[in-house]
Amino acid sequence: MPSPPILEDTLEGPPGTSLNDFRHPKLRRFPRHDSQINWLEYLGHGEEGIVFKATIGGGKPVAVKVFWRTQRPALEQRYNGHVRQPEWPFEEECRTVALIEKMKWAMQYVETDPKQTIHLDRKPETRHDAFRLLLAFSDEQRHRSAEHGSPGFPLIFPSITACHGWMTVRRDKLPRLDPPVWKEIDEQLDWHWAIVYDFVPEEEQDIAVGQTHLDFFYATGLTLEAYKSDNWRAGRLVDFGDVCSPFTRGWTPPFAPCDAKTWFSTPGSVRPAVSKHMIIA
């Protein structure tokens, strides 16, 4: 069974940004993956996993998303006799945040080197278009675009919630909650995958910050699931399971750039009340 798209290298310094790196994006490991975790607060849970505020190895507070499913789902038999590989949330999110990290570094390289350009030449109408947009950030394409005199695209990298890499967490090290929260998947295993992010405090949505996020996702061919108010804080996306890269089955072409005021006022998007699950051990 194929391994998830991860690297054992720790997430420190720049990632690889070659064409091959963009075609096969892999997330690096959280540097303090073997340090003690101090669980501070339950933040929420959903279909993909559960999220906690924590400190790891004495560092600053972070958000730790622990995924319910540890193993890749088994193939599903379809009614027409075909088989289908269900998506695996940990796999998809690793690819997505690895791609975003590569794009961030590529944009930094362009800022300091006039011999590099990121040329985004089309609206992402097809999955192929979206792949081409991603590859425009690669080392080879940045230099080729500059050599051909292709104009750069006025793109701003937003204040995207930083990802600090993947790690694993033993089930007996996870905190107990009252009332309990658990989804029984892969119960024969005693550990889970997790991804570590910056912790973003809960604040009202910032329209300007949100607009830079929406513009960036549109220009780079990344699409978003429908707006969920508990997945955005202060205009920043905090759950990257909502982002669909062209690698995912859920990718669909965006119809047009999205207006942040409209996005954050979507009907039915009022922040739901979160149950008060308290950490008891």
Protein backbone atom coordinates (compact mmCIF):
# COMPACT_ATOMS: atom_id res chain seq x y z
CA MET A 1 0.00 0.00 0.00
CA PRO A 2 1.49 3.42 -0.97
CA SER A 3 2.86 5.58 1.83
CA PRO A 4 1.33 9.00 2.58
CA PRO A 5 3.01 12.02 0.93
CA ILE A 6 5.44 12.81 3.74
CA LEU A 7 9.19 13.15 4.25
CA GLU A 8 11.20 12.18 7.30
CA ASP A 9 13.19 15.43 6.96
CA THR A 10 12.12 18.03 9.49
CA LEU A 11 10.36 21.20 8.33
CA GLU A 12 13.26 23.59 8.70
CA GLY A 13 14.59 25.86 5.95
CA PRO A 14 13.35 25.96 2.36
CA PRO A 15 11.58 22.99 0.75
CA GLY A 16 12.36 21.56 -2.66
CA THR A 17 10.71 23.61 -5.42
CA SER A 18 11.62 21.73 -8.59
CA LEU A 19 9.05 20.57 -11.14
CA ASN A 20 9.24 17.11 -9.61
CA ASP A 21 8.67 18.53 -6.12
CA PHE A 22 5.49 20.25 -7.30
CA ARG A 23 4.31 17.13 -9.13
CA HIS A 24 4.88 15.01 -6.03
CA PRO A 25 4.45 17.35 -3.04
CA LYS A 26 5.36 15.89 0.33
CA LEU A 27 5.09 17.39 3.80
CA ARG A 28 8.12 17.43 6.07
CA ARG A 29 8.12 16.37 9.70
CA PHE A 30 7.48 18.61 12.72
CA PRO A 31 10.92 19.39 14.23
CA ARG A 32 9.91 18.62 17.85
CA HIS A 33 7.94 15.48 16.96
CA ASP A 34 9.49 13.45 19.79
CA SER A 35 8.93 16.09 22.52
CA GLN A 36 6.32 16.01 25.27
CA ILE A 37 2.90 17.40 24.39
CA ASN A 38 1.04 19.54 26.88
CA TRP A 39 -2.62 19.52 25.84
CA LEU A 40 -4.21 22.86 26.71
CA GLU A 41 -7.66 23.05 25.14
CA TYR A 42 -10.12 21.24 22.91
CA LEU A 43 -10.78 23.37 19.81
CA GLY A 44 -13.21 21.26 17.81
CA HIS A 45 -13.75 18.08 15.83
CA GLY A 46 -15.31 16.97 12.57
CA GLU A 47 -15.36 14.21 9.96
CA GLU A 48 -11.57 14.27 9.46
CA GLY A 49 -10.27 14.52 13.00
CA ILE A 50 -10.05 16.45 16.25
CA VAL A 51 -8.09 19.64 16.99
CA PHE A 52 -6.38 20.71 20.21
CA LYS A 53 -4.45 23.72 21.39
CA ALA A 54 -1.15 22.48 22.84
CA THR A 55 2.46 23.26 23.57
CA ILE A 56 5.13 20.82 22.39
CA GLY A 57 8.59 20.67 23.90
CA GLY A 58 8.07 23.96 25.71
CA GLY A 59 7.36 25.92 22.53
CA LYS A 60 4.62 28.46 21.86
CA PRO A 61 0.99 27.28 21.67
CA VAL A 62 0.10 25.50 18.44
CA ALA A 63 -2.96 23.80 16.96
CA VAL A 64 -2.62 20.04 16.56
CA LYS A 65 -5.02 18.36 14.13
CA VAL A 66 -5.20 14.64 14.94
CA PHE A 67 -6.73 12.54 12.16
CA TRP A 68 -9.19 9.78 12.95
CA ARG A 69 -8.07 7.54 10.11
CA THR A 70 -4.52 6.18 10.34
CA GLN A 71 -4.63 3.80 7.37
CA ARG A 72 -5.54 4.52 3.78
CA PRO A 73 -9.19 3.51 3.22
CA ALA A 74 -9.81 0.22 1.44
CA LEU A 75 -11.00 0.23 -2.16
CA GLU A 76 -14.78 0.48 -2.54
CA GLN A 77 -16.76 -1.67 -4.95
CA ARG A 78 -19.06 0.51 -7.06
CA TYR A 79 -22.48 -0.44 -8.42
CA ASN A 80 -21.11 -0.57 -12.00
CA GLY A 81 -18.46 -3.13 -11.11
CA HIS A 82 -15.67 -0.57 -10.91
CA VAL A 83 -13.60 0.03 -7.80
CA ARG A 84 -12.99 3.43 -6.24
CA GLN A 85 -10.24 4.63 -3.93
CA PRO A 86 -11.83 6.83 -1.22
CA GLU A 87 -9.93 9.97 -0.37
CA TRP A 88 -7.75 9.94 2.73
CA PRO A 89 -7.91 13.29 4.58
CA PHE A 90 -4.38 13.06 6.01
CA GLU A 91 -2.94 12.42 2.55
CA GLU A 92 -4.85 15.26 0.90
CA GLU A 93 -4.01 17.80 3.60
CA CYS A 94 -0.30 16.90 3.54
CA ARG A 95 -0.19 17.57 -0.19
CA THR A 96 -2.09 20.83 0.12
CA VAL A 97 0.01 22.43 2.84
CA ALA A 98 3.24 21.17 1.22
CA LEU A 99 2.21 22.91 -2.01
CA ILE A 100 1.41 26.16 -0.19
CA GLU A 101 4.80 26.12 1.53
CA LYS A 102 6.57 25.62 -1.82
CA MET A 103 4.62 28.51 -3.38
CA LYS A 104 5.54 30.78 -0.48
CA TRP A 105 9.26 30.12 -0.95
CA ALA A 106 9.01 30.45 -4.74
CA MET A 107 7.46 33.89 -4.34
CA GLN A 108 10.29 34.90 -2.00
CA TYR A 109 12.86 33.79 -4.59
CA VAL A 110 11.20 35.94 -7.28
CA GLU A 111 11.27 39.00 -5.01
CA THR A 112 15.07 38.85 -4.74
CA ASP A 113 16.06 37.53 -8.18
CA PRO A 114 15.16 39.47 -11.38
CA LYS A 115 15.99 36.36 -13.41
CA GLN A 116 12.91 34.61 -12.08
CA THR A 117 9.23 35.26 -12.83
CA ILE A 118 6.00 33.52 -11.87
CA HIS A 119 3.75 33.73 -14.93
CA LEU A 120 0.12 32.79 -14.23
CA ASP A 121 -1.45 33.03 -17.67
CA ARG A 122 -4.95 31.67 -17.37
CA LYS A 123 -8.10 31.30 -15.37
CA PRO A 124 -8.22 27.77 -13.93
CA GLU A 125 -11.06 26.33 -15.99
CA THR A 126 -9.86 22.72 -15.99
CA ARG A 127 -7.83 20.46 -13.73
CA HIS A 128 -5.02 20.68 -16.31
CA ASP A 129 -5.07 24.49 -16.02
CA ALA A 130 -4.80 24.22 -12.24
CA PHE A 131 -1.78 21.92 -12.50
CA ARG A 132 -0.13 24.38 -14.89
CA LEU A 133 -0.65 27.19 -12.41
CA LEU A 134 1.04 25.19 -9.66
CA LEU A 135 3.97 24.25 -11.89
CA ALA A 136 4.50 27.94 -12.74
CA PHE A 137 6.02 28.26 -9.25
CA SER A 138 8.68 25.59 -9.90
CA ASP A 139 12.39 26.40 -10.33
CA GLU A 140 12.38 25.43 -14.00
CA GLN A 141 9.26 27.41 -14.91
CA ARG A 142 10.28 30.53 -12.97
CA HIS A 143 13.56 30.76 -14.91
CA ARG A 144 11.93 29.84 -18.24
CA SER A 145 9.26 32.52 -17.82
CA ALA A 146 11.91 35.16 -17.15
CA GLU A 147 13.99 34.06 -20.16
CA HIS A 148 10.93 34.38 -22.42
CA GLY A 149 10.06 37.79 -21.03
CA SER A 150 6.72 36.58 -19.68
CA PRO A 151 5.16 39.14 -17.34
CA GLY A 152 4.94 38.32 -13.68
CA PHE A 153 1.60 38.10 -11.92
CA PRO A 154 0.90 40.67 -9.15
CA LEU A 155 0.25 38.08 -6.46
CA ILE A 156 0.48 38.66 -2.71
CA PHE A 157 1.21 35.76 -0.39
CA PRO A 158 -1.36 36.17 2.40
CA SER A 159 -0.85 35.66 6.12
CA ILE A 160 -1.75 32.00 5.74
CA THR A 161 -1.76 29.98 8.95
CA ALA A 162 1.68 28.38 9.02
CA CYS A 163 2.03 24.62 8.99
CA HIS A 164 4.92 23.19 11.01
CA GLY A 165 4.84 19.63 9.73
CA TRP A 166 3.45 16.19 10.47
CA MET A 167 3.93 13.96 13.47
CA THR A 168 2.37 10.89 15.06
CA VAL A 169 0.57 10.70 18.40
CA ARG A 170 -0.03 7.57 20.42
CA ARG A 171 -3.68 7.10 21.31
CA ASP A 172 -2.92 6.67 25.02
CA LYS A 173 -1.21 10.08 24.97
CA LEU A 174 -4.30 11.89 23.69
CA PRO A 175 -6.27 13.77 26.34
CA ARG A 176 -9.56 12.47 27.68
CA LEU A 177 -12.53 14.77 27.25
CA ASP A 178 -15.75 15.26 29.17
CA PRO A 179 -18.11 14.67 27.47
CA PRO A 180 -16.01 12.21 25.42
CA VAL A 181 -15.35 12.63 21.72
CA TRP A 182 -14.15 9.74 19.63
CA LYS A 183 -14.65 8.25 16.17
CA GLU A 184 -13.81 4.57 15.97
CA ILE A 185 -11.64 4.07 12.89
CA ASP A 186 -8.56 1.82 12.72
CA GLU A 187 -9.11 0.76 16.32
CA GLN A 188 -6.61 -2.07 15.85
CA LEU A 189 -3.83 0.55 15.77
CA ASP A 190 -2.62 2.53 18.77
CA TRP A 191 -1.46 5.75 17.08
CA HIS A 192 -2.65 8.56 14.79
CA TRP A 193 -1.25 10.97 12.22
CA ALA A 194 -1.30 14.65 13.15
CA ILE A 195 -0.39 17.98 11.53
CA VAL A 196 0.84 20.96 13.56
CA TYR A 197 -0.20 24.54 12.73
CA ASP A 198 0.09 27.99 14.22
CA PHE A 199 -2.59 28.59 16.81
CA VAL A 200 -4.87 31.43 15.68
CA PRO A 201 -6.99 33.02 18.45
CA GLU A 202 -10.71 33.33 17.79
CA GLU A 203 -11.52 36.81 16.45
CA GLU A 204 -14.05 38.46 14.16
CA GLN A 205 -13.40 37.92 10.47
CA ASP A 206 -11.03 40.47 8.92
CA ILE A 207 -12.37 41.22 5.44
CA ALA A 208 -9.07 42.55 4.04
CA VAL A 209 -7.10 39.55 5.29
CA GLY A 210 -9.76 37.20 4.00
CA GLN A 211 -9.69 38.84 0.56
CA THR A 212 -5.95 38.21 0.18
CA HIS A 213 -6.57 34.55 1.00
CA LEU A 214 -9.42 34.18 -1.50
CA ASP A 215 -7.45 35.98 -4.24
CA PHE A 216 -4.43 33.76 -3.65
CA PHE A 217 -6.40 30.51 -3.73
CA TYR A 218 -8.18 31.55 -6.93
CA ALA A 219 -5.02 32.68 -8.76
CA THR A 220 -3.14 29.50 -7.90
CA GLY A 221 -5.87 27.05 -8.88
CA LEU A 222 -6.72 25.95 -5.34
CA THR A 223 -10.44 25.75 -4.65
CA LEU A 224 -12.34 25.90 -1.38
CA GLU A 225 -15.12 23.90 0.16
CA ALA A 226 -18.21 25.88 1.11
CA TYR A 227 -17.60 28.47 3.81
CA LYS A 228 -17.69 27.15 7.37
CA SER A 229 -17.40 29.89 9.96
CA ASP A 230 -15.57 27.73 12.51
CA ASN A 231 -12.81 27.04 9.96
CA TRP A 232 -11.84 30.72 9.60
CA ARG A 233 -10.51 33.04 12.29
CA ALA A 234 -9.69 36.73 11.82
CA GLY A 235 -10.00 36.24 8.06
CA ARG A 236 -7.50 33.37 8.05
CA LEU A 237 -8.28 29.79 7.11
CA VAL A 238 -7.44 27.46 10.00
CA ASP A 239 -8.64 24.11 8.58
CA PHE A 240 -6.83 23.13 5.40
CA GLY A 241 -9.10 20.20 4.85
CA ASP A 242 -11.27 22.87 3.18
CA VAL A 243 -8.71 23.44 0.39
CA CYS A 244 -8.86 21.29 -2.75
CA SER A 245 -5.76 21.06 -4.91
CA PRO A 246 -6.01 19.54 -8.40
CA PHE A 247 -4.64 16.33 -6.87
CA THR A 248 -7.94 15.80 -5.04
CA ARG A 249 -11.13 14.31 -6.42
CA GLY A 250 -13.08 17.20 -4.91
CA TRP A 251 -11.39 19.87 -7.06
CA THR A 252 -13.80 21.88 -9.19
CA PRO A 253 -13.04 24.95 -11.33
CA PRO A 254 -13.88 28.23 -9.59
CA PHE A 255 -16.49 30.30 -11.40
CA ALA A 256 -14.96 33.68 -10.56
CA PRO A 257 -12.85 35.43 -7.91
CA CYS A 258 -14.74 35.57 -4.63
CA ASP A 259 -15.56 38.73 -2.72
CA ALA A 260 -14.63 38.40 0.96
CA LYS A 261 -17.67 40.34 2.21
CA THR A 262 -19.91 37.93 0.35
CA TRP A 263 -17.85 34.93 1.48
CA PHE A 264 -18.01 35.80 5.17
CA SER A 265 -21.71 36.66 5.06
CA THR A 266 -22.81 33.45 3.37
CA PRO A 267 -26.34 32.53 4.56
CA GLY A 268 -26.25 29.92 7.24
CA SER A 269 -22.61 30.63 8.04
CA VAL A 270 -23.13 31.93 11.58
CA ARG A 271 -20.57 30.38 13.89
CA PRO A 272 -22.14 27.30 15.51
CA ALA A 273 -22.08 26.83 19.23
CA VAL A 274 -19.20 24.49 20.13
CA SER A 275 -19.86 21.98 22.89
CA LYS A 276 -17.75 22.59 25.96
CA HIS A 277 -15.58 19.50 26.00
CA MET A 278 -13.19 19.80 28.93
CA ILE A 279 -9.80 18.08 29.12
CA ILE A 280 -9.85 15.89 32.23
CA ALA A 281 -6.64 13.85 31.79
